[in-house]
C-alpha atoms as a PDB file:
ATOM      1  CA  MET A   1     -11.280   3.697   4.286  1.00  0.00           C
ATOM      2  CA  GLU A   2      -7.605   3.993   5.261  1.00  0.00           C
ATOM      3  CA  SER A   3      -8.188   1.693   8.244  1.00  0.00           C
ATOM      4  CA  GLY A   4      -8.493  -1.364   6.007  1.00  0.00           C
ATOM      5  CA  LYS A   5      -5.815  -3.943   6.750  1.00  0.00           C
ATOM      6  CA  ILE A   6      -5.998  -6.210   3.716  1.00  0.00           C
ATOM      7  CA  VAL A   7      -3.678  -5.256   0.879  1.00  0.00           C
ATOM      8  CA  PHE A   8      -3.466  -8.096  -1.603  1.00  0.00           C
ATOM      9  CA  ARG A   9      -0.274  -9.327  -3.203  1.00  0.00           C
ATOM     10  CA  GLU A  10       0.383  -8.274  -6.788  1.00  0.00           C
ATOM     11  CA  ASN A  11      -0.621 -11.657  -8.221  1.00  0.00           C
ATOM     12  CA  VAL A  12      -4.276 -11.408  -7.033  1.00  0.00           C
ATOM     13  CA  LYS A  13      -6.452 -10.166  -9.901  1.00  0.00           C
ATOM     14  CA  ILE A  14     -10.077 -11.131  -9.094  1.00  0.00           C
ATOM     15  CA  LEU A  15     -11.919 -11.885  -5.846  1.00  0.00           C
ATOM     16  CA  THR A  16     -15.399 -13.388  -5.881  1.00  0.00           C
ATOM     17  CA  VAL A  17     -17.609 -13.849  -2.824  1.00  0.00           C
ATOM     18  CA  ASN A  18     -20.462 -16.357  -3.095  1.00  0.00           C
ATOM     19  CA  TYR A  19     -23.166 -16.336  -0.404  1.00  0.00           C
ATOM     20  CA  ASN A  20     -26.891 -16.350   0.200  1.00  0.00           C
ATOM     21  CA  VAL A  21     -28.836 -13.521   1.791  1.00  0.00           C
ATOM     22  CA  HIS A  22     -30.753 -15.899   4.099  1.00  0.00           C
ATOM     23  CA  GLY A  23     -29.330 -18.562   6.397  1.00  0.00           C
ATOM     24  CA  ASP A  24     -27.216 -18.594   9.534  1.00  0.00           C
ATOM     25  CA  HIS A  25     -24.207 -20.259   7.928  1.00  0.00           C
ATOM     26  CA  HIS A  26     -24.063 -17.413   5.342  1.00  0.00           C
ATOM     27  CA  LYS A  27     -24.186 -14.666   7.988  1.00  0.00           C
ATOM     28  CA  GLY A  28     -20.393 -14.258   8.234  1.00  0.00           C
ATOM     29  CA  ALA A  29     -19.933 -13.873   4.465  1.00  0.00           C
ATOM     30  CA  LYS A  30     -22.827 -11.414   4.246  1.00  0.00           C
ATOM     31  CA  GLU A  31     -21.416  -9.282   7.097  1.00  0.00           C
ATOM     32  CA  PHE A  32     -17.922  -9.534   5.607  1.00  0.00           C
ATOM     33  CA  MET A  33     -19.238  -8.046   2.380  1.00  0.00           C
ATOM     34  CA  PHE A  34     -21.005  -5.248   4.248  1.00  0.00           C
ATOM     35  CA  TRP A  35     -18.232  -4.264   6.685  1.00  0.00           C
ATOM     36  CA  TYR A  36     -14.931  -5.054   4.960  1.00  0.00           C
ATOM     37  CA  MET A  37     -15.497  -4.970   1.197  1.00  0.00           C
ATOM     38  CA  PRO A  38     -15.437  -1.143   0.788  1.00  0.00           C
ATOM     39  CA  GLN A  39     -12.090  -0.993   2.612  1.00  0.00           C
ATOM     40  CA  ILE A  40     -10.685  -3.839   0.519  1.00  0.00           C
ATOM     41  CA  GLN A  41     -11.797  -2.124  -2.697  1.00  0.00           C
ATOM     42  CA  TYR A  42     -10.217   1.156  -1.555  1.00  0.00           C
ATOM     43  CA  LYS A  43      -6.899  -0.447  -0.652  1.00  0.00           C
ATOM     44  CA  ASN A  44      -6.803  -2.654  -3.787  1.00  0.00           C
ATOM     45  CA  PRO A  45      -8.048  -0.616  -6.761  1.00  0.00           C
ATOM     46  CA  GLU A  46      -6.433  -2.977  -9.286  1.00  0.00           C
ATOM     47  CA  VAL A  47      -8.333  -6.051  -7.994  1.00  0.00           C
ATOM     48  CA  GLN A  48     -11.748  -6.789  -9.486  1.00  0.00           C
ATOM     49  CA  ILE A  49     -14.232  -7.783  -6.770  1.00  0.00           C
ATOM     50  CA  LEU A  50     -17.489  -9.584  -7.537  1.00  0.00           C
ATOM     51  CA  SER A  51     -20.257 -10.865  -5.296  1.00  0.00           C
ATOM     52  CA  PHE A  52     -22.650 -13.637  -6.270  1.00  0.00           C
ATOM     53  CA  ARG A  53     -25.763 -13.799  -4.122  1.00  0.00           C
ATOM     54  CA  ASN A  54     -28.339 -16.550  -3.761  1.00  0.00           C
ATOM     55  CA  ILE A  55     -26.798 -18.982  -6.264  1.00  0.00           C
ATOM     56  CA  THR A  56     -24.785 -21.305  -4.016  1.00  0.00           C
ATOM     57  CA  PRO A  57     -25.692 -23.726  -1.213  1.00  0.00           C
ATOM     58  CA  THR A  58     -22.520 -22.947   0.779  1.00  0.00           C
ATOM     59  CA  PRO A  59     -20.618 -19.663   1.116  1.00  0.00           C
ATOM     60  CA  PHE A  60     -17.098 -19.452  -0.287  1.00  0.00           C
ATOM     61  CA  LEU A  61     -14.496 -17.005  -1.595  1.00  0.00           C
ATOM     62  CA  ARG A  62     -12.589 -17.608  -4.813  1.00  0.00           C
ATOM     63  CA  CYS A  63      -9.483 -15.663  -5.832  1.00  0.00           C
ATOM     64  CA  TYR A  64      -8.084 -15.776  -9.339  1.00  0.00           C
ATOM     65  CA  LEU A  65      -4.338 -15.232  -9.626  1.00  0.00           C
ATOM     66  CA  ASP A  66      -2.419 -13.826 -12.588  1.00  0.00           C
ATOM     67  CA  ASP A  67      -0.861 -17.199 -13.441  1.00  0.00           C
ATOM     68  CA  GLY A  68      -4.300 -18.804 -13.969  1.00  0.00           C
ATOM     69  CA  LYS A  69      -4.510 -20.554 -10.607  1.00  0.00           C
ATOM     70  CA  GLU A  70      -7.476 -20.263  -8.274  1.00  0.00           C
ATOM     71  CA  VAL A  71      -7.620 -20.134  -4.484  1.00  0.00           C
ATOM     72  CA  VAL A  72     -10.944 -21.270  -3.015  1.00  0.00           C
ATOM     73  CA  MET A  73     -11.776 -20.619   0.660  1.00  0.00           C
ATOM     74  CA  ASP A  74     -14.679 -22.259   2.416  1.00  0.00           C
ATOM     75  CA  VAL A  75     -16.305 -19.769   4.811  1.00  0.00           C
ATOM     76  CA  PHE A  76     -19.194 -21.971   5.948  1.00  0.00           C
ATOM     77  CA  GLY A  77     -20.278 -20.861   9.427  1.00  0.00           C
ATOM     78  CA  LYS A  78     -17.293 -18.490   9.918  1.00  0.00           C
ATOM     79  CA  SER A  79     -17.646 -14.992  11.360  1.00  0.00           C
ATOM     80  CA  LYS A  80     -16.649 -11.879   9.416  1.00  0.00           C
ATOM     81  CA  GLU A  81     -13.493 -11.498  11.546  1.00  0.00           C
ATOM     82  CA  GLU A  82     -12.425 -15.093  10.894  1.00  0.00           C
ATOM     83  CA  ILE A  83     -12.929 -14.595   7.156  1.00  0.00           C
ATOM     84  CA  HIS A  84     -10.984 -11.321   7.265  1.00  0.00           C
ATOM     85  CA  ASP A  85      -8.054 -12.839   9.173  1.00  0.00           C
ATOM     86  CA  HIS A  86      -7.935 -15.925   6.947  1.00  0.00           C
ATOM     87  CA  LEU A  87      -7.962 -13.808   3.782  1.00  0.00           C
ATOM     88  CA  GLN A  88      -5.216 -11.574   5.217  1.00  0.00           C
ATOM     89  CA  LYS A  89      -2.990 -14.539   6.087  1.00  0.00           C
ATOM     90  CA  THR A  90      -3.569 -16.325   2.799  1.00  0.00           C
ATOM     91  CA  LEU A  91      -3.430 -13.607   0.136  1.00  0.00           C
ATOM     92  CA  GLY A  92      -2.530 -10.372   1.909  1.00  0.00           C
ATOM     93  CA  LYS A  93       0.821  -8.699   2.274  1.00  0.00           C
ATOM     94  CA  SER A  94       2.520  -8.939   5.659  1.00  0.00           C
ATOM     95  CA  GLU A  95       2.899  -5.935   7.955  1.00  0.00           C
ATOM     96  CA  LYS A  96       6.674  -5.929   7.444  1.00  0.00           C
ATOM     97  CA  GLN A  97       6.290  -5.891   3.662  1.00  0.00           C
ATOM     98  CA  LEU A  98       3.770  -3.018   3.844  1.00  0.00           C
ATOM     99  CA  GLN A  99       6.118  -0.986   6.061  1.00  0.00           C
ATOM    100  CA  THR A 100       9.084  -1.426   3.740  1.00  0.00           C
ATOM    101  CA  GLU A 101       6.970  -0.432   0.712  1.00  0.00           C
ATOM    102  CA  THR A 102       5.673   2.654   2.532  1.00  0.00           C
ATOM    103  CA  GLN A 103       9.179   3.729   3.557  1.00  0.00           C
ATOM    104  CA  ALA A 104      10.507   3.208   0.038  1.00  0.00           C
ATOM    105  CA  LYS A 105       7.651   5.240  -1.419  1.00  0.00           C
ATOM    106  CA  LEU A 106       8.210   8.089   1.038  1.00  0.00           C
ATOM    107  CA  LYS A 107      11.939   8.128   0.429  1.00  0.00           C
ATOM    108  CA  VAL A 108      11.605   8.263  -3.342  1.00  0.00           C
ATOM    109  CA  ALA A 109       8.607  10.585  -3.443  1.00  0.00           C
ATOM    110  CA  ASN A 110      10.152  13.406  -1.393  1.00  0.00           C
ATOM    111  CA  PRO A 111      11.874  15.867  -3.773  1.00  0.00           C
ATOM    112  CA  ALA A 112      13.663  17.549  -0.873  1.00  0.00           C
ATOM    113  CA  ASN A 113      15.931  14.532  -0.385  1.00  0.00           C
ATOM    114  CA  PHE A 114      19.367  14.749  -1.911  1.00  0.00           C
ATOM    115  CA  GLY A 115      22.532  12.737  -1.649  1.00  0.00           C
ATOM    116  CA  LEU A 116      23.599   9.225  -2.558  1.00  0.00           C
ATOM    117  CA  GLY A 117      20.668   7.164  -3.863  1.00  0.00           C
ATOM    118  CA  CYS A 118      18.349  10.119  -4.442  1.00  0.00           C
ATOM    119  CA  ASP A 119      17.372  12.069  -7.549  1.00  0.00           C
ATOM    120  CA  ARG A 120      19.816  14.886  -6.799  1.00  0.00           C
ATOM    121  CA  HIS A 121      23.391  14.407  -5.669  1.00  0.00           C
ATOM    122  CA  CYS A 122      23.842  17.886  -4.193  1.00  0.00           C
ATOM    123  CA  ILE A 123      21.606  20.746  -3.114  1.00  0.00           C
ATOM    124  CA  CYS A 124      23.358  22.994  -5.620  1.00  0.00           C
ATOM    125  CA  GLU A 125      21.441  21.194  -8.396  1.00  0.00           C
ATOM    126  CA  ILE A 126      18.175  22.766  -7.200  1.00  0.00           C
ATOM    127  CA  PRO A 127      17.376  26.072  -8.935  1.00  0.00           C
ATOM    128  CA  GLY A 128      17.831  29.094  -6.672  1.00  0.00           C
ATOM    129  CA  GLN A 129      20.518  27.522  -4.481  1.00  0.00           C
ATOM    130  CA  LEU A 130      24.148  28.571  -4.361  1.00  0.00           C
ATOM    131  CA  PRO A 131      26.470  26.550  -6.562  1.00  0.00           C
ATOM    132  CA  CYS A 132      29.063  24.284  -4.979  1.00  0.00           C
ATOM    133  CA  PRO A 133      32.015  26.199  -3.503  1.00  0.00           C
ATOM    134  CA  ASN A 134      34.525  24.073  -5.375  1.00  0.00           C
ATOM    135  CA  ILE A 135      33.018  25.211  -8.709  1.00  0.00           C
ATOM    136  CA  VAL A 136      32.159  28.856  -7.987  1.00  0.00           C
ATOM    137  CA  PRO A 137      33.854  30.478  -4.975  1.00  0.00           C
ATOM    138  CA  ILE A 138      31.526  31.939  -2.344  1.00  0.00           C
ATOM    139  CA  PRO A 139      31.809  35.723  -2.019  1.00  0.00           C
ATOM    140  CA  LYS A 140      33.967  36.758   0.919  1.00  0.00           C
ATOM    141  CA  THR A 141      31.065  38.738   2.394  1.00  0.00           C
ATOM    142  CA  MET A 142      29.119  35.497   2.843  1.00  0.00           C
ATOM    143  CA  ARG A 143      31.890  33.613   4.618  1.00  0.00           C
ATOM    144  CA  GLY A 144      32.014  33.802   8.417  1.00  0.00           C
ATOM    145  CA  LYS A 145      35.796  33.962   8.466  1.00  0.00           C
ATOM    146  CA  TYR A 146      35.765  37.319   6.695  1.00  0.00           C
ATOM    147  CA  LYS A 147      32.479  38.591   8.078  1.00  0.00           C
ATOM    148  CA  TYR A 148      33.035  38.084  11.808  1.00  0.00           C
ATOM    149  CA  GLN A 149      36.843  38.223  12.179  1.00  0.00           C
ATOM    150  CA  ASN A 150      37.455  41.081   9.763  1.00  0.00           C
ATOM    151  CA  VAL A 151      40.078  39.103   7.857  1.00  0.00           C
ATOM    152  CA  GLU A 152      40.992  40.634   4.522  1.00  0.00           C
END
C-alpha cells in the first residue's frame, strides 16, 4: 500500500469513477479501479472515493473540490497507467512537495532533536540529563581537566 504514488492536494474532497463492467473503452477505468484504488484510498484517507458502475455510456472521473468546483476527466479508451499519470499531474502533489512535507514531519516528530527551532532549546531540559554548566557547576570529578591532569 505504501507504493502508491498519488497523494491528492488538500482541496480534493471526493473522487468518483464512472465506468461500465463490459466494453473495451471502459477497460482502462475498470483496471484502474482494481489496481490503483486501494493504494489511493490508503494514501488519502480523508478523500471519499465512490465508483459508479454500469450507469454511464462513457467512462470518466469526477473530483469535487472544497470550494465547490468540479474537475471532470474523460478516460475514454485510456489505459490504467495513462489514467494514473493524468490524475497525478492534475490533482496530485508533486514529488518535491511530498519530500518537503516528509522532511518537515520527521524533523518535528523526533523528540530527540533539540536546539533552535525544536521543542527543546537544550539537552538539559530533558529529565535525567545534567543541568547546564552555567547554572549548576559540574563536579570536579566529572571534568577531564581535574580527572586526567590531577589539577586541584
